[in-house]
Protein backbone atom coordinates (compact mmCIF):
# COMPACT_ATOMS: atom_id res chain seq x y z
CA MET A 1 -18.36 -7.45 48.54
CA ARG A 2 -19.82 -8.81 51.77
CA ALA A 3 -19.25 -12.38 52.93
CA ALA A 4 -22.91 -13.04 52.21
CA ALA A 5 -22.03 -13.18 48.52
CA ILE A 6 -19.96 -16.01 47.10
CA LEU A 7 -18.51 -15.39 43.67
CA MET A 8 -16.28 -17.91 41.99
CA LEU A 9 -15.55 -15.58 39.11
CA ALA A 10 -13.46 -12.47 38.80
CA ALA A 11 -15.26 -9.17 39.26
CA ALA A 12 -17.74 -8.13 36.57
CA PRO A 13 -16.09 -6.56 33.51
CA ALA A 14 -15.58 -2.83 33.54
CA ALA A 15 -17.96 -2.39 30.62
CA ALA A 16 -20.76 -3.84 32.72
CA ALA A 17 -20.31 -1.14 35.35
CA ALA A 18 -22.27 1.14 33.04
CA GLN A 19 -25.30 -1.05 33.70
CA GLN A 20 -25.38 -0.04 37.39
CA PRO A 21 -29.00 0.66 38.41
CA ALA A 22 -29.81 4.23 39.35
CA ASP A 23 -31.09 3.52 42.85
CA ALA A 24 -28.46 3.97 45.53
CA GLY A 25 -26.79 1.00 47.14
CA TRP A 26 -26.91 -1.62 44.38
CA ARG A 27 -23.59 -2.71 42.91
CA LEU A 28 -23.31 -4.84 39.78
CA VAL A 29 -21.32 -7.96 40.69
CA TRP A 30 -21.87 -10.24 37.67
CA SER A 31 -23.35 -9.98 34.21
CA ASP A 32 -23.38 -11.40 30.73
CA GLU A 33 -24.36 -9.09 27.88
CA PHE A 34 -23.82 -11.87 25.31
CA ASP A 35 -21.68 -9.55 23.23
CA LYS A 36 -19.01 -12.13 22.39
CA ARG A 37 -19.02 -14.40 19.35
CA ALA A 38 -19.55 -17.53 21.45
CA ILE A 39 -21.03 -18.47 24.80
CA ASP A 40 -18.57 -17.58 27.57
CA ARG A 41 -17.59 -20.92 29.07
CA GLY A 42 -15.92 -19.06 31.92
CA LYS A 43 -19.41 -18.02 33.03
CA TRP A 44 -21.63 -20.87 31.87
CA ASP A 45 -21.57 -24.63 31.91
CA PHE A 46 -24.06 -27.00 30.27
CA ASP A 47 -26.07 -29.86 31.67
CA VAL A 48 -25.89 -32.66 29.10
CA ASP A 49 -28.38 -35.49 29.61
CA CYS A 50 -31.71 -37.00 28.55
CA TRP A 51 -33.15 -36.97 32.06
CA ASP A 52 -36.79 -36.02 32.29
CA GLY A 53 -36.29 -33.56 35.15
CA GLY A 54 -38.34 -35.81 37.39
CA ASN A 55 -41.56 -34.75 35.65
CA ASN A 56 -41.58 -36.46 32.25
CA GLU A 57 -39.99 -33.71 30.17
CA ARG A 58 -39.43 -34.74 26.56
CA GLN A 59 -36.03 -33.25 25.68
CA CYS A 60 -32.37 -34.18 25.75
CA TYR A 61 -30.15 -31.30 26.83
CA THR A 62 -26.99 -30.80 24.77
CA ASP A 63 -24.06 -28.40 24.55
CA ARG A 64 -24.30 -28.15 20.77
CA PRO A 65 -24.41 -24.75 19.01
CA ALA A 66 -27.61 -26.00 17.36
CA ASN A 67 -29.28 -25.79 20.78
CA ALA A 68 -27.51 -22.77 22.31
CA ALA A 69 -25.51 -20.06 20.58
CA ILE A 70 -24.91 -16.31 20.43
CA GLU A 71 -26.87 -14.66 17.63
CA ASP A 72 -26.92 -10.90 17.04
CA GLY A 73 -25.81 -10.14 20.60
CA LYS A 74 -28.29 -12.49 22.24
CA LEU A 75 -28.15 -15.96 23.73
CA VAL A 76 -30.57 -18.16 21.79
CA ILE A 77 -31.69 -21.45 23.32
CA ALA A 78 -33.38 -23.52 20.62
CA ALA A 79 -35.58 -26.54 21.23
CA ARG A 80 -35.59 -28.79 18.14
CA LYS A 81 -37.82 -31.68 17.11
CA GLU A 82 -35.22 -34.41 16.64
CA ALA A 83 -34.71 -37.70 18.43
CA MET A 84 -31.57 -38.13 20.54
CA THR A 85 -30.21 -40.76 22.90
CA GLY A 86 -28.03 -39.90 25.89
CA PRO A 87 -27.52 -40.31 29.66
CA ALA A 88 -30.81 -41.09 31.38
CA PHE A 89 -29.77 -39.32 34.60
CA PRO A 90 -28.09 -36.01 35.42
CA LEU A 91 -24.38 -35.99 36.20
CA SER A 92 -25.08 -35.58 39.92
CA GLN A 93 -26.75 -39.01 40.00
CA ARG A 94 -24.27 -40.92 37.85
CA GLY A 95 -22.17 -41.93 40.81
CA ASP A 96 -24.70 -44.70 41.24
CA PRO A 97 -23.38 -47.63 39.11
CA GLU A 98 -26.90 -48.51 37.98
CA LYS A 99 -27.45 -44.98 36.71
CA ALA A 100 -23.97 -44.32 35.32
CA THR A 101 -24.55 -46.12 32.02
CA ALA A 102 -28.34 -45.90 31.72
CA GLN A 103 -29.54 -44.34 28.44
CA ALA A 104 -32.76 -42.67 27.37
CA THR A 105 -34.12 -41.50 24.03
CA LYS A 106 -36.19 -38.33 23.72
CA PRO A 107 -37.98 -36.77 20.73
CA PHE A 108 -36.66 -33.21 21.25
CA THR A 109 -33.33 -31.52 21.99
CA SER A 110 -32.69 -28.26 23.83
CA ALA A 111 -30.17 -26.64 26.20
CA ARG A 112 -29.79 -25.88 29.88
CA LEU A 113 -27.07 -23.41 30.88
CA VAL A 114 -25.89 -23.17 34.49
CA THR A 115 -23.46 -21.03 36.51
CA ARG A 116 -22.94 -23.92 38.95
CA GLY A 117 -19.31 -24.07 40.05
CA LYS A 118 -18.62 -20.71 38.42
CA ALA A 119 -20.84 -18.14 40.16
CA ALA A 120 -23.31 -18.31 43.03
CA TRP A 121 -24.85 -15.68 45.27
CA THR A 122 -26.60 -15.25 48.59
CA TYR A 123 -29.04 -12.31 48.37
CA GLY A 124 -29.17 -9.62 45.73
CA LYS A 125 -31.11 -8.56 42.65
CA VAL A 126 -31.23 -10.80 39.57
CA GLU A 127 -32.68 -9.58 36.28
CA VAL A 128 -32.87 -11.24 32.87
CA ARG A 129 -34.14 -9.57 29.70
CA ALA A 130 -35.65 -12.31 27.57
CA LYS A 131 -38.19 -13.18 24.89
CA LEU A 132 -40.14 -16.37 25.50
CA PRO A 133 -41.34 -18.99 23.02
CA GLN A 134 -45.00 -19.79 22.49
CA GLY A 135 -46.90 -22.99 21.84
CA GLN A 136 -48.41 -25.95 23.66
CA GLY A 137 -45.69 -27.79 25.56
CA THR A 138 -43.06 -25.02 25.69
CA TRP A 139 -41.59 -24.45 29.15
CA PRO A 140 -38.89 -21.75 29.40
CA ALA A 141 -37.41 -21.15 32.84
CA ILE A 142 -35.05 -18.81 34.69
CA TRP A 143 -34.31 -20.28 38.09
CA MET A 144 -31.79 -21.02 40.83
CA LEU A 145 -30.62 -24.09 42.74
CA PRO A 146 -28.39 -24.30 45.84
CA GLU A 147 -24.70 -24.56 45.18
CA ASP A 148 -24.58 -27.41 47.69
CA SER A 149 -27.18 -29.52 49.45
CA HIS A 150 -26.37 -28.05 52.85
CA TYR A 151 -29.83 -28.79 54.28
CA GLY A 152 -30.40 -32.04 52.40
CA SER A 153 -31.46 -33.14 48.93
CA TRP A 154 -34.30 -31.50 46.98
CA ALA A 155 -36.22 -29.62 48.16
CA ALA A 156 -34.85 -29.31 51.72
CA SER A 157 -32.07 -27.02 50.41
CA GLY A 158 -34.51 -24.98 48.33
CA GLU A 159 -35.23 -23.92 44.76
CA ILE A 160 -36.00 -20.39 43.52
CA ASP A 161 -37.98 -20.12 40.28
CA ILE A 162 -37.58 -16.56 39.03
CA LEU A 163 -39.61 -17.19 35.88
CA GLU A 164 -41.56 -20.07 34.43
CA ALA A 165 -44.04 -19.91 31.57
CA VAL A 166 -45.87 -22.76 29.88
CA ASN A 167 -47.94 -22.85 26.71
CA LEU A 168 -47.82 -19.09 26.08
CA GLY A 169 -50.17 -17.97 23.32
CA VAL A 170 -52.31 -21.11 23.48
CA ARG A 171 -56.08 -21.04 23.93
CA CYS A 172 -56.91 -20.82 27.63
CA ASP A 173 -60.53 -20.69 28.80
CA GLN A 174 -59.66 -19.33 32.26
CA CYS A 175 -57.19 -16.68 31.01
CA ALA A 176 -58.01 -13.05 30.29
CA GLY A 177 -58.63 -12.73 26.56
CA GLY A 178 -58.79 -16.50 26.20
CA ILE A 179 -55.05 -16.83 25.54
CA GLU A 180 -52.43 -18.26 27.92
CA ASN A 181 -50.39 -15.28 29.09
CA ARG A 182 -49.42 -16.19 32.66
CA ILE A 183 -45.94 -16.33 34.16
CA LEU A 184 -45.05 -17.91 37.49
CA GLY A 185 -42.64 -17.20 40.36
CA THR A 186 -42.27 -20.04 42.86
CA LEU A 187 -40.27 -21.32 45.83
CA HIS A 188 -39.67 -25.01 46.57
CA PHE A 189 -38.70 -25.93 50.14
CA GLY A 190 -39.67 -28.11 53.11
CA GLY A 191 -38.42 -31.67 53.35
CA GLN A 192 -36.60 -33.99 51.03
CA TRP A 193 -38.79 -35.49 48.30
CA PRO A 194 -41.58 -36.60 48.70
CA ASP A 195 -42.00 -34.26 51.69
CA ASN A 196 -41.25 -31.19 49.58
CA LYS A 197 -43.54 -28.15 49.47
CA HIS A 198 -43.93 -25.16 47.20
CA LYS A 199 -45.54 -21.74 47.23
CA GLY A 200 -45.84 -19.30 44.35
CA ASP A 201 -47.81 -16.68 42.48
CA GLU A 202 -48.59 -15.90 38.89
CA THR A 203 -49.36 -12.78 36.88
CA ALA A 204 -50.24 -11.87 33.33
CA LEU A 205 -47.22 -11.15 31.15
CA PRO A 206 -47.63 -7.60 29.83
CA PRO A 207 -48.11 -7.41 26.06
CA PRO A 208 -46.67 -8.17 23.67
CA LEU A 209 -46.31 -11.88 24.44
CA ASP A 210 -43.74 -12.19 21.68
CA GLY A 211 -41.63 -9.26 22.90
CA PHE A 212 -38.72 -8.86 25.28
CA HIS A 213 -39.44 -8.44 28.99
CA VAL A 214 -37.28 -8.09 32.10
CA PHE A 215 -37.85 -10.89 34.60
CA GLY A 216 -36.45 -10.20 38.03
CA MET A 217 -36.13 -11.10 41.68
CA VAL A 218 -34.98 -9.13 44.72
CA TRP A 219 -33.77 -11.50 47.43
CA GLU A 220 -32.94 -10.43 50.96
CA LYS A 221 -32.79 -12.33 54.21
CA GLY A 222 -36.28 -13.55 54.98
CA LYS A 223 -37.93 -11.97 51.93
CA ILE A 224 -38.06 -12.53 48.16
CA VAL A 225 -39.89 -10.27 45.69
CA TRP A 226 -40.61 -11.15 42.03
CA THR A 227 -40.81 -8.48 39.33
CA VAL A 228 -41.66 -8.24 35.65
CA ASP A 229 -40.63 -5.15 33.69
CA GLY A 230 -39.65 -3.55 36.99
CA LYS A 231 -43.01 -4.00 38.70
CA PRO A 232 -43.33 -6.31 41.73
CA TYR A 233 -46.08 -8.90 41.47
CA ALA A 234 -45.33 -11.39 44.26
CA THR A 235 -43.67 -11.48 47.68
CA ARG A 236 -42.75 -14.40 49.94
CA VAL A 237 -41.45 -14.03 53.50
CA ALA A 238 -39.67 -16.45 55.81
CA SER A 239 -42.82 -17.32 57.75
CA GLU A 240 -44.10 -18.95 54.55
CA TRP A 241 -41.17 -21.33 54.03
CA ASN A 242 -39.07 -23.78 56.04
CA SER A 243 -36.45 -26.49 55.74
CA SER A 244 -36.37 -29.86 57.44
CA GLY A 245 -32.60 -29.43 57.62
CA SER A 246 -32.55 -26.33 59.84
CA ALA A 247 -34.55 -24.52 62.52
CA ASP A 248 -33.29 -21.15 61.25
CA PRO A 249 -36.35 -19.30 59.86
CA ALA A 250 -34.32 -17.96 56.93
CA ALA A 251 -33.32 -21.46 55.78
CA PRO A 252 -33.05 -22.75 53.13
CA PHE A 253 -32.87 -19.39 51.35
CA ASP A 254 -29.83 -18.13 53.22
CA ARG A 255 -27.05 -19.87 51.27
CA PRO A 256 -25.44 -19.53 47.83
CA PHE A 257 -27.61 -20.36 44.80
CA HIS A 258 -26.49 -20.58 41.17
CA LEU A 259 -28.45 -19.53 38.09
CA ILE A 260 -30.05 -21.72 35.41
CA LEU A 261 -31.48 -20.83 31.99
CA ASN A 262 -33.30 -23.55 30.07
CA LEU A 263 -36.07 -24.36 27.64
CA ALA A 264 -37.89 -27.62 28.37
CA VAL A 265 -40.43 -29.37 26.15
CA GLY A 266 -43.43 -31.03 27.72
CA GLY A 267 -43.44 -32.31 31.28
CA GLY A 268 -46.02 -32.23 34.01
CA LEU A 269 -46.56 -28.48 34.32
CA ALA A 270 -46.75 -27.82 30.59
CA GLU A 271 -48.87 -30.83 29.68
CA ASP A 272 -51.30 -30.72 32.59
CA ARG A 273 -52.04 -26.98 32.57
CA GLY A 274 -54.77 -25.99 30.15
CA LEU A 275 -54.55 -28.06 26.98
CA LYS A 276 -52.83 -31.43 27.09
CA GLY A 277 -49.71 -32.82 25.48
CA VAL A 278 -47.21 -31.14 23.14
CA ASP A 279 -47.92 -29.48 19.81
CA GLU A 280 -45.05 -30.69 17.66
CA SER A 281 -45.53 -28.06 14.94
CA GLY A 282 -43.53 -24.88 14.54
CA TYR A 283 -40.14 -26.12 15.70
CA PRO A 284 -37.52 -24.98 16.45
CA LYS A 285 -38.86 -22.97 19.38
CA LYS A 286 -36.51 -20.31 20.70
CA MET A 287 -35.90 -18.56 24.01
CA GLU A 288 -33.83 -15.40 23.45
CA ILE A 289 -31.86 -13.78 26.27
CA ASP A 290 -30.54 -10.25 25.76
CA TRP A 291 -28.68 -9.97 29.06
CA VAL A 292 -28.35 -11.35 32.59
CA ARG A 293 -27.34 -9.05 35.49
CA VAL A 294 -26.80 -9.61 39.20
CA TRP A 295 -26.50 -6.82 41.76
CA GLN A 296 -25.82 -6.82 45.48
CA CYS A 297 -25.98 -4.18 48.18
CA ASP A 298 -22.97 -2.10 49.08
CA GLY A 299 -24.15 -2.37 52.67
CA ASP A 300 -25.56 -5.44 54.39
CA ALA A 301 -26.42 -7.78 51.51
CA GLY A 302 -29.03 -9.55 53.60
CA SER A 303 -31.10 -6.42 54.20
CA GLY A 304 -31.84 -5.40 50.62
CA CYS A 305 -31.38 -1.92 49.21
CA GLY A 306 -34.88 -0.62 49.73
CA ASN A 307 -35.95 -0.82 46.08
CA THR A 308 -37.51 -3.81 44.35
CA GLY A 309 -38.04 -2.26 40.96
CA ASP A 310 -35.99 -2.50 37.76
CA GLN A 311 -33.77 0.46 36.98
CA THR A 312 -32.21 -0.76 33.74
CA LYS A 313 -33.33 -0.50 30.13
C-alpha cells in the first residue's frame, strides 16, 4: 500500500479479498461484513455522550447492545425513545475542567460508531450497503472526519459527508411524488468555526426507500465523487474548497480521515428541512448496515483508478 494510505489495522481478512471490485487497479484494504456474533471492537469504537452535535440533536449516544448490535449478519443501529443522562460534551472536549463533569439529559438514545484510532485513509473508494430509517426527525449518516486537526479545528481540517438523509418518507411539497426521498453528499471546509463553509449536492434515492442501497464515494487528490447504487451523482474539485490552515489547493482533503456511522434524532438539518420537529411515534428506528468496504489504488492512490462506479453486489 502507498504512503498515501494510513491503516492502523492489520490487512483486510482473506475472506474479504473475494469482494475485490472487477475494475482493474482497486485493491480492498479494509472491510467489515458484520459476519461475527458481536461488533468487532478491533475495527470500531463508540462515541459515548449526550452532546447535541453542535446543532441541537436530541439523542444520547451509547455503546449498549440495545443501540448497536449484529443481527442476522448486519450491523443494526437503533434509535430508541428513552430518556438518558450522560456527558454533555464529546470526549475530545472533556479536557476542559468546566466540560469534564457537565451532564445533559436527552429524550432518545442511539449509537455512533467510529474507526478513529483504528483505521484511517487518504484517498480511495468507500462503499456502504445500508437501509435507512424513515420518519420526521430521523438523520442517518455515513461520514468521515480527519484523524487529526492538522489544519485547525472544525472545519479547517475538513469533513466528508458520504451520505446524509433526513425525514425520509415524510410528506414533502417540493419533492417528486410529494414524499421526502432526497439524500445528500457534502464537504465542510474553510476556516475554523464560525468561518466554516460547505458545499454539497443532493439526489433522489432510487426506490424502494425502505430497501438496501450502496452509498459510495471515490476520493482522489483534488476530486471527490459521490455515488448511489454505483451511479455518480455529484462531483467536487479542489477549486471549490479551501482551508485556512494551508495554501495547498488539495487541503484539507489530502490527509487521513476516519469513518463514522451514526443515527441521530432531530437537530437543525432534520427539524428545519420540510416539516418541523420530531415525530416521536414508531420507535425504535433502525439503520441497517450490510457491509462497509474500502479500496485503494494499486498505483498512485492520489490519482484514482479511473472508475467511479460500484462493482460489488
